[in-house]
Amino acid sequence: MKRIDKKTLQRLLKLTVHVGALIPLALIIWDYAQGNLGAEPIREITLRTGKTAIVLLMLTLAITPAHIWFGWKQIIPLRRLLGLYTFLYAALHLAIFLVLDYVLEPQLIMEALFSKRYALIGLAAFLIMLPLAITSTRSAMRKMGKKWKSLHKWVYVAGVLAVLHYLLLVKNSYTEPLIFVVVLSFLLLTRVKPIKKTILQWRRNVENWRVRRSLVTKQ
């Protein structure tokens, strides 16, 4: 069976991300056209865009741990694409809050921000993601140099704030927000140097064991 070359694999992976990331938006548009958004359509759209943004943010943060655990170098270029889709859904989420919920009324918006902690925390997460999205181009990366990496480490803070935003927003069932808490904790802990070194050493041991096993099998 012919192996897929690296360029083709990259195209397929990026196509998968594009399709997967746009499906939730397509479903929202379809359900709106069909009148399937329930009794509170604005609330439903707000929840859907917000949840999609968090899922995509978790996937963005999962790229580096997946490389650490399994050595999947081919998925690293997907991090930027997933990050931009995260920002797209976060921007839609905020736009719905400002335009549809509060009709761009400054006084109502300010009251909502300071009376609802989840709204203020969500805004803080968006404001952190804004410069990350703006500087996601290759030219920005070249111009900023080492500062680019320092700036983009703020995505971890955005992740914590986004999950906290969701946790405070939910009133009845905390199952989904707590799942995000566990996932985010795992993704961030994987990056801690001692833990990262332990995982990499485990991977080397496994690879060495596989090599020795294959040599024994051939003999």
C-alpha atoms as a PDB file:
ATOM      1  CA  MET A   1       0.000   0.000   0.000  1.00  0.00           C
ATOM      2  CA  LYS A   2       1.380   3.386  -1.054  1.00  0.00           C
ATOM      3  CA  ARG A   3       2.215   5.759   1.788  1.00  0.00           C
ATOM      4  CA  ILE A   4       0.831   9.308   1.749  1.00  0.00           C
ATOM      5  CA  ASP A   5       3.570  11.930   1.351  1.00  0.00           C
ATOM      6  CA  LYS A   6       3.931  14.701   3.936  1.00  0.00           C
ATOM      7  CA  LYS A   7       2.402  17.466   1.801  1.00  0.00           C
ATOM      8  CA  THR A   8      -0.674  15.411   0.968  1.00  0.00           C
ATOM      9  CA  LEU A   9      -1.051  14.415   4.618  1.00  0.00           C
ATOM     10  CA  GLN A  10      -0.859  18.074   5.672  1.00  0.00           C
ATOM     11  CA  ARG A  11      -3.529  19.026   3.140  1.00  0.00           C
ATOM     12  CA  LEU A  12      -5.811  16.225   4.349  1.00  0.00           C
ATOM     13  CA  LEU A  13      -5.321  17.169   8.002  1.00  0.00           C
ATOM     14  CA  LYS A  14      -6.020  20.852   7.304  1.00  0.00           C
ATOM     15  CA  LEU A  15      -9.081  19.949   5.242  1.00  0.00           C
ATOM     16  CA  THR A  16     -10.324  17.825   8.153  1.00  0.00           C
ATOM     17  CA  VAL A  17      -9.888  20.783  10.530  1.00  0.00           C
ATOM     18  CA  HIS A  18     -11.693  23.167   8.149  1.00  0.00           C
ATOM     19  CA  VAL A  19     -14.639  20.806   7.693  1.00  0.00           C
ATOM     20  CA  GLY A  20     -14.826  19.804  11.368  1.00  0.00           C
ATOM     21  CA  ALA A  21     -14.621  23.410  12.592  1.00  0.00           C
ATOM     22  CA  LEU A  22     -17.256  24.718  10.175  1.00  0.00           C
ATOM     23  CA  ILE A  23     -19.833  21.968  10.794  1.00  0.00           C
ATOM     24  CA  PRO A  24     -21.114  23.533  14.090  1.00  0.00           C
ATOM     25  CA  LEU A  25     -21.592  26.885  12.326  1.00  0.00           C
ATOM     26  CA  ALA A  26     -23.384  25.213   9.410  1.00  0.00           C
ATOM     27  CA  LEU A  27     -25.676  23.400  11.863  1.00  0.00           C
ATOM     28  CA  ILE A  28     -26.517  26.662  13.647  1.00  0.00           C
ATOM     29  CA  ILE A  29     -27.413  28.328  10.333  1.00  0.00           C
ATOM     30  CA  TRP A  30     -29.472  25.287   9.277  1.00  0.00           C
ATOM     31  CA  ASP A  31     -31.340  25.063  12.586  1.00  0.00           C
ATOM     32  CA  TYR A  32     -32.027  28.812  12.484  1.00  0.00           C
ATOM     33  CA  ALA A  33     -33.449  28.541   8.958  1.00  0.00           C
ATOM     34  CA  GLN A  34     -35.565  25.556  10.005  1.00  0.00           C
ATOM     35  CA  GLY A  35     -36.733  27.153  13.249  1.00  0.00           C
ATOM     36  CA  ASN A  36     -35.132  24.391  15.336  1.00  0.00           C
ATOM     37  CA  LEU A  37     -33.435  26.575  17.955  1.00  0.00           C
ATOM     38  CA  GLY A  38     -36.172  26.202  20.566  1.00  0.00           C
ATOM     39  CA  ALA A  39     -38.045  28.802  22.571  1.00  0.00           C
ATOM     40  CA  GLU A  40     -34.877  30.853  23.261  1.00  0.00           C
ATOM     41  CA  PRO A  41     -32.927  30.940  19.963  1.00  0.00           C
ATOM     42  CA  ILE A  42     -30.491  33.649  21.061  1.00  0.00           C
ATOM     43  CA  ARG A  43     -29.556  31.706  24.197  1.00  0.00           C
ATOM     44  CA  GLU A  44     -29.181  28.513  22.152  1.00  0.00           C
ATOM     45  CA  ILE A  45     -26.875  30.163  19.605  1.00  0.00           C
ATOM     46  CA  THR A  46     -24.879  31.778  22.409  1.00  0.00           C
ATOM     47  CA  LEU A  47     -24.378  28.421  24.127  1.00  0.00           C
ATOM     48  CA  ARG A  48     -23.467  26.629  20.902  1.00  0.00           C
ATOM     49  CA  THR A  49     -20.877  29.167  19.760  1.00  0.00           C
ATOM     50  CA  GLY A  50     -19.386  29.324  23.255  1.00  0.00           C
ATOM     51  CA  LYS A  51     -19.150  25.571  23.655  1.00  0.00           C
ATOM     52  CA  THR A  52     -17.617  25.172  20.183  1.00  0.00           C
ATOM     53  CA  ALA A  53     -15.043  27.853  21.027  1.00  0.00           C
ATOM     54  CA  ILE A  54     -14.029  25.971  24.201  1.00  0.00           C
ATOM     55  CA  VAL A  55     -13.816  22.612  22.401  1.00  0.00           C
ATOM     56  CA  LEU A  56     -11.618  24.137  19.674  1.00  0.00           C
ATOM     57  CA  LEU A  57      -9.472  25.850  22.313  1.00  0.00           C
ATOM     58  CA  MET A  58      -8.960  22.487  24.055  1.00  0.00           C
ATOM     59  CA  LEU A  59      -7.976  20.933  20.705  1.00  0.00           C
ATOM     60  CA  THR A  60      -5.550  23.805  20.093  1.00  0.00           C
ATOM     61  CA  LEU A  61      -3.957  23.235  23.498  1.00  0.00           C
ATOM     62  CA  ALA A  62      -3.897  19.459  22.871  1.00  0.00           C
ATOM     63  CA  ILE A  63      -1.500  19.714  19.901  1.00  0.00           C
ATOM     64  CA  THR A  64       1.673  20.053  21.981  1.00  0.00           C
ATOM     65  CA  PRO A  65       0.718  17.308  24.505  1.00  0.00           C
ATOM     66  CA  ALA A  66      -0.124  14.965  21.591  1.00  0.00           C
ATOM     67  CA  HIS A  67       3.361  15.630  20.220  1.00  0.00           C
ATOM     68  CA  ILE A  68       4.917  15.023  23.641  1.00  0.00           C
ATOM     69  CA  TRP A  69       3.001  11.789  24.287  1.00  0.00           C
ATOM     70  CA  PHE A  70       3.021  10.268  20.798  1.00  0.00           C
ATOM     71  CA  GLY A  71       5.559  12.235  18.740  1.00  0.00           C
ATOM     72  CA  TRP A  72       2.959  13.368  16.199  1.00  0.00           C
ATOM     73  CA  LYS A  73       4.942  16.123  14.453  1.00  0.00           C
ATOM     74  CA  GLN A  74       2.534  16.236  11.524  1.00  0.00           C
ATOM     75  CA  ILE A  75      -0.231  17.810  13.615  1.00  0.00           C
ATOM     76  CA  ILE A  76       1.841  20.780  14.881  1.00  0.00           C
ATOM     77  CA  PRO A  77       0.931  23.021  11.891  1.00  0.00           C
ATOM     78  CA  LEU A  78      -2.755  22.531  12.791  1.00  0.00           C
ATOM     79  CA  ARG A  79      -2.341  24.527  16.015  1.00  0.00           C
ATOM     80  CA  ARG A  80      -2.542  27.907  14.258  1.00  0.00           C
ATOM     81  CA  LEU A  81      -5.597  26.889  12.232  1.00  0.00           C
ATOM     82  CA  LEU A  82      -7.438  25.551  15.281  1.00  0.00           C
ATOM     83  CA  GLY A  83      -6.538  28.719  17.180  1.00  0.00           C
ATOM     84  CA  LEU A  84      -8.030  30.933  14.472  1.00  0.00           C
ATOM     85  CA  TYR A  85     -11.251  28.918  14.427  1.00  0.00           C
ATOM     86  CA  THR A  86     -11.360  29.193  18.229  1.00  0.00           C
ATOM     87  CA  PHE A  87     -11.167  32.965  17.881  1.00  0.00           C
ATOM     88  CA  LEU A  88     -13.876  32.947  15.192  1.00  0.00           C
ATOM     89  CA  TYR A  89     -16.373  31.192  17.457  1.00  0.00           C
ATOM     90  CA  ALA A  90     -15.344  33.294  20.464  1.00  0.00           C
ATOM     91  CA  ALA A  91     -15.929  36.458  18.376  1.00  0.00           C
ATOM     92  CA  LEU A  92     -19.337  35.181  17.274  1.00  0.00           C
ATOM     93  CA  HIS A  93     -20.162  34.315  20.888  1.00  0.00           C
ATOM     94  CA  LEU A  94     -19.277  37.842  22.034  1.00  0.00           C
ATOM     95  CA  ALA A  95     -21.049  39.483  19.078  1.00  0.00           C
ATOM     96  CA  ILE A  96     -24.283  37.655  19.922  1.00  0.00           C
ATOM     97  CA  PHE A  97     -23.971  38.798  23.544  1.00  0.00           C
ATOM     98  CA  LEU A  98     -23.376  42.437  22.554  1.00  0.00           C
ATOM     99  CA  VAL A  99     -25.664  42.778  19.539  1.00  0.00           C
ATOM    100  CA  LEU A 100     -28.561  40.350  20.000  1.00  0.00           C
ATOM    101  CA  ASP A 101     -28.717  40.128  23.792  1.00  0.00           C
ATOM    102  CA  TYR A 102     -27.925  43.748  24.690  1.00  0.00           C
ATOM    103  CA  VAL A 103     -28.503  45.555  21.348  1.00  0.00           C
ATOM    104  CA  LEU A 104     -25.198  47.436  21.705  1.00  0.00           C
ATOM    105  CA  GLU A 105     -26.605  49.449  24.607  1.00  0.00           C
ATOM    106  CA  PRO A 106     -23.500  50.581  26.593  1.00  0.00           C
ATOM    107  CA  GLN A 107     -25.278  50.952  29.932  1.00  0.00           C
ATOM    108  CA  LEU A 108     -26.905  47.503  29.724  1.00  0.00           C
ATOM    109  CA  ILE A 109     -23.615  45.913  28.663  1.00  0.00           C
ATOM    110  CA  MET A 110     -21.702  47.520  31.547  1.00  0.00           C
ATOM    111  CA  GLU A 111     -24.361  46.429  34.030  1.00  0.00           C
ATOM    112  CA  ALA A 112     -24.207  42.864  32.682  1.00  0.00           C
ATOM    113  CA  LEU A 113     -20.409  42.763  32.848  1.00  0.00           C
ATOM    114  CA  PHE A 114     -20.245  43.911  36.444  1.00  0.00           C
ATOM    115  CA  SER A 115     -23.273  42.026  37.734  1.00  0.00           C
ATOM    116  CA  LYS A 116     -22.431  38.713  36.064  1.00  0.00           C
ATOM    117  CA  ARG A 117     -18.938  37.422  36.826  1.00  0.00           C
ATOM    118  CA  TYR A 118     -19.027  34.900  33.997  1.00  0.00           C
ATOM    119  CA  ALA A 119     -19.563  37.735  31.463  1.00  0.00           C
ATOM    120  CA  LEU A 120     -16.546  39.696  32.724  1.00  0.00           C
ATOM    121  CA  ILE A 121     -14.346  36.578  32.768  1.00  0.00           C
ATOM    122  CA  GLY A 122     -15.500  35.634  29.261  1.00  0.00           C
ATOM    123  CA  LEU A 123     -14.637  39.117  28.001  1.00  0.00           C
ATOM    124  CA  ALA A 124     -11.191  38.860  29.610  1.00  0.00           C
ATOM    125  CA  ALA A 125     -10.604  35.541  27.805  1.00  0.00           C
ATOM    126  CA  PHE A 126     -11.611  37.110  24.483  1.00  0.00           C
ATOM    127  CA  LEU A 127      -9.367  40.151  24.996  1.00  0.00           C
ATOM    128  CA  ILE A 128      -6.434  37.797  25.615  1.00  0.00           C
ATOM    129  CA  MET A 129      -7.196  35.836  22.445  1.00  0.00           C
ATOM    130  CA  LEU A 130      -7.502  38.988  20.314  1.00  0.00           C
ATOM    131  CA  PRO A 131      -3.760  39.839  20.122  1.00  0.00           C
ATOM    132  CA  LEU A 132      -2.967  36.131  19.711  1.00  0.00           C
ATOM    133  CA  ALA A 133      -5.205  35.977  16.636  1.00  0.00           C
ATOM    134  CA  ILE A 134      -3.796  39.235  15.227  1.00  0.00           C
ATOM    135  CA  THR A 135      -0.198  38.001  15.608  1.00  0.00           C
ATOM    136  CA  SER A 136      -0.840  34.487  14.271  1.00  0.00           C
ATOM    137  CA  THR A 137       0.709  35.281  10.871  1.00  0.00           C
ATOM    138  CA  ARG A 138       4.203  34.157   9.876  1.00  0.00           C
ATOM    139  CA  SER A 139       5.305  37.756   9.310  1.00  0.00           C
ATOM    140  CA  ALA A 140       4.274  38.658  12.879  1.00  0.00           C
ATOM    141  CA  MET A 141       6.190  35.634  14.150  1.00  0.00           C
ATOM    142  CA  ARG A 142       9.349  36.782  12.313  1.00  0.00           C
ATOM    143  CA  LYS A 143       9.054  40.408  13.441  1.00  0.00           C
ATOM    144  CA  MET A 144       8.376  39.583  17.098  1.00  0.00           C
ATOM    145  CA  GLY A 145      11.000  36.847  17.449  1.00  0.00           C
ATOM    146  CA  LYS A 146      11.207  35.514  21.022  1.00  0.00           C
ATOM    147  CA  LYS A 147       8.466  37.918  22.146  1.00  0.00           C
ATOM    148  CA  TRP A 148       6.006  35.990  19.964  1.00  0.00           C
ATOM    149  CA  LYS A 149       6.366  32.837  22.064  1.00  0.00           C
ATOM    150  CA  SER A 150       6.016  34.797  25.296  1.00  0.00           C
ATOM    151  CA  LEU A 151       2.847  36.469  24.022  1.00  0.00           C
ATOM    152  CA  HIS A 152       1.285  33.229  22.820  1.00  0.00           C
ATOM    153  CA  LYS A 153       1.813  31.557  26.186  1.00  0.00           C
ATOM    154  CA  TRP A 154      -1.123  33.673  27.291  1.00  0.00           C
ATOM    155  CA  VAL A 155      -3.319  31.113  25.540  1.00  0.00           C
ATOM    156  CA  TYR A 156      -3.018  29.046  28.749  1.00  0.00           C
ATOM    157  CA  VAL A 157      -4.579  31.904  30.729  1.00  0.00           C
ATOM    158  CA  ALA A 158      -7.292  32.225  28.079  1.00  0.00           C
ATOM    159  CA  GLY A 159      -7.997  28.501  28.464  1.00  0.00           C
ATOM    160  CA  VAL A 160      -8.367  28.768  32.237  1.00  0.00           C
ATOM    161  CA  LEU A 161     -10.630  31.819  31.931  1.00  0.00           C
ATOM    162  CA  ALA A 162     -12.764  30.199  29.207  1.00  0.00           C
ATOM    163  CA  VAL A 163     -13.383  27.099  31.316  1.00  0.00           C
ATOM    164  CA  LEU A 164     -14.086  29.231  34.397  1.00  0.00           C
ATOM    165  CA  HIS A 165     -16.513  31.306  32.311  1.00  0.00           C
ATOM    166  CA  TYR A 166     -18.399  28.156  31.353  1.00  0.00           C
ATOM    167  CA  LEU A 167     -18.312  26.799  34.907  1.00  0.00           C
ATOM    168  CA  LEU A 168     -19.873  29.985  36.302  1.00  0.00           C
ATOM    169  CA  LEU A 169     -22.419  30.204  33.487  1.00  0.00           C
ATOM    170  CA  VAL A 170     -23.927  26.755  34.031  1.00  0.00           C
ATOM    171  CA  LYS A 171     -26.560  26.637  36.763  1.00  0.00           C
ATOM    172  CA  ASN A 172     -27.906  23.099  36.759  1.00  0.00           C
ATOM    173  CA  SER A 173     -25.488  20.436  35.472  1.00  0.00           C
ATOM    174  CA  TYR A 174     -21.767  20.830  36.099  1.00  0.00           C
ATOM    175  CA  THR A 175     -20.776  17.627  34.310  1.00  0.00           C
ATOM    176  CA  GLU A 176     -19.571  19.207  31.041  1.00  0.00           C
ATOM    177  CA  PRO A 177     -17.698  22.126  32.650  1.00  0.00           C
ATOM    178  CA  LEU A 178     -15.935  19.715  35.032  1.00  0.00           C
ATOM    179  CA  ILE A 179     -14.920  17.537  32.074  1.00  0.00           C
ATOM    180  CA  PHE A 180     -13.307  20.640  30.544  1.00  0.00           C
ATOM    181  CA  VAL A 181     -11.570  21.353  33.871  1.00  0.00           C
ATOM    182  CA  VAL A 182     -10.083  17.839  33.916  1.00  0.00           C
ATOM    183  CA  VAL A 183      -9.050  17.992  30.244  1.00  0.00           C
ATOM    184  CA  LEU A 184      -7.461  21.433  30.621  1.00  0.00           C
ATOM    185  CA  SER A 185      -5.613  20.356  33.783  1.00  0.00           C
ATOM    186  CA  PHE A 186      -4.202  17.326  31.952  1.00  0.00           C
ATOM    187  CA  LEU A 187      -3.121  19.438  28.956  1.00  0.00           C
ATOM    188  CA  LEU A 188      -1.408  22.030  31.140  1.00  0.00           C
ATOM    189  CA  LEU A 189       0.261  19.494  33.445  1.00  0.00           C
ATOM    190  CA  THR A 190       1.772  17.725  30.426  1.00  0.00           C
ATOM    191  CA  ARG A 191       3.692  20.937  29.716  1.00  0.00           C
ATOM    192  CA  VAL A 192       5.292  21.094  33.193  1.00  0.00           C
ATOM    193  CA  LYS A 193       8.998  20.375  32.669  1.00  0.00           C
ATOM    194  CA  PRO A 194       9.482  17.450  35.121  1.00  0.00           C
ATOM    195  CA  ILE A 195       6.299  15.757  33.838  1.00  0.00           C
ATOM    196  CA  LYS A 196       7.248  16.449  30.215  1.00  0.00           C
ATOM    197  CA  LYS A 197      10.725  14.920  30.775  1.00  0.00           C
ATOM    198  CA  THR A 198       9.183  11.838  32.377  1.00  0.00           C
ATOM    199  CA  ILE A 199       6.813  11.339  29.437  1.00  0.00           C
ATOM    200  CA  LEU A 200       9.609  11.782  26.886  1.00  0.00           C
ATOM    201  CA  GLN A 201      11.782   9.294  28.782  1.00  0.00           C
ATOM    202  CA  TRP A 202       8.889   6.802  28.830  1.00  0.00           C
ATOM    203  CA  ARG A 203       8.492   7.251  25.063  1.00  0.00           C
ATOM    204  CA  ARG A 204      12.206   6.585  24.495  1.00  0.00           C
ATOM    205  CA  ASN A 205      12.007   3.448  26.650  1.00  0.00           C
ATOM    206  CA  VAL A 206       8.997   2.191  24.688  1.00  0.00           C
ATOM    207  CA  GLU A 207      10.716   2.892  21.358  1.00  0.00           C
ATOM    208  CA  ASN A 208      13.897   1.124  22.503  1.00  0.00           C
ATOM    209  CA  TRP A 209      11.840  -1.861  23.656  1.00  0.00           C
ATOM    210  CA  ARG A 210      10.127  -2.041  20.265  1.00  0.00           C
ATOM    211  CA  VAL A 211      13.478  -1.943  18.460  1.00  0.00           C
ATOM    212  CA  ARG A 212      14.909  -4.735  20.634  1.00  0.00           C
ATOM    213  CA  ARG A 213      11.751  -6.796  20.137  1.00  0.00           C
ATOM    214  CA  SER A 214      11.885  -6.419  16.351  1.00  0.00           C
ATOM    215  CA  LEU A 215      15.549  -7.473  16.324  1.00  0.00           C
ATOM    216  CA  VAL A 216      14.770 -10.564  18.412  1.00  0.00           C
ATOM    217  CA  THR A 217      11.872 -11.435  16.090  1.00  0.00           C
ATOM    218  CA  LYS A 218      14.078 -11.194  12.992  1.00  0.00           C
ATOM    219  CA  GLN A 219      16.752 -13.506  14.462  1.00  0.00           C
END
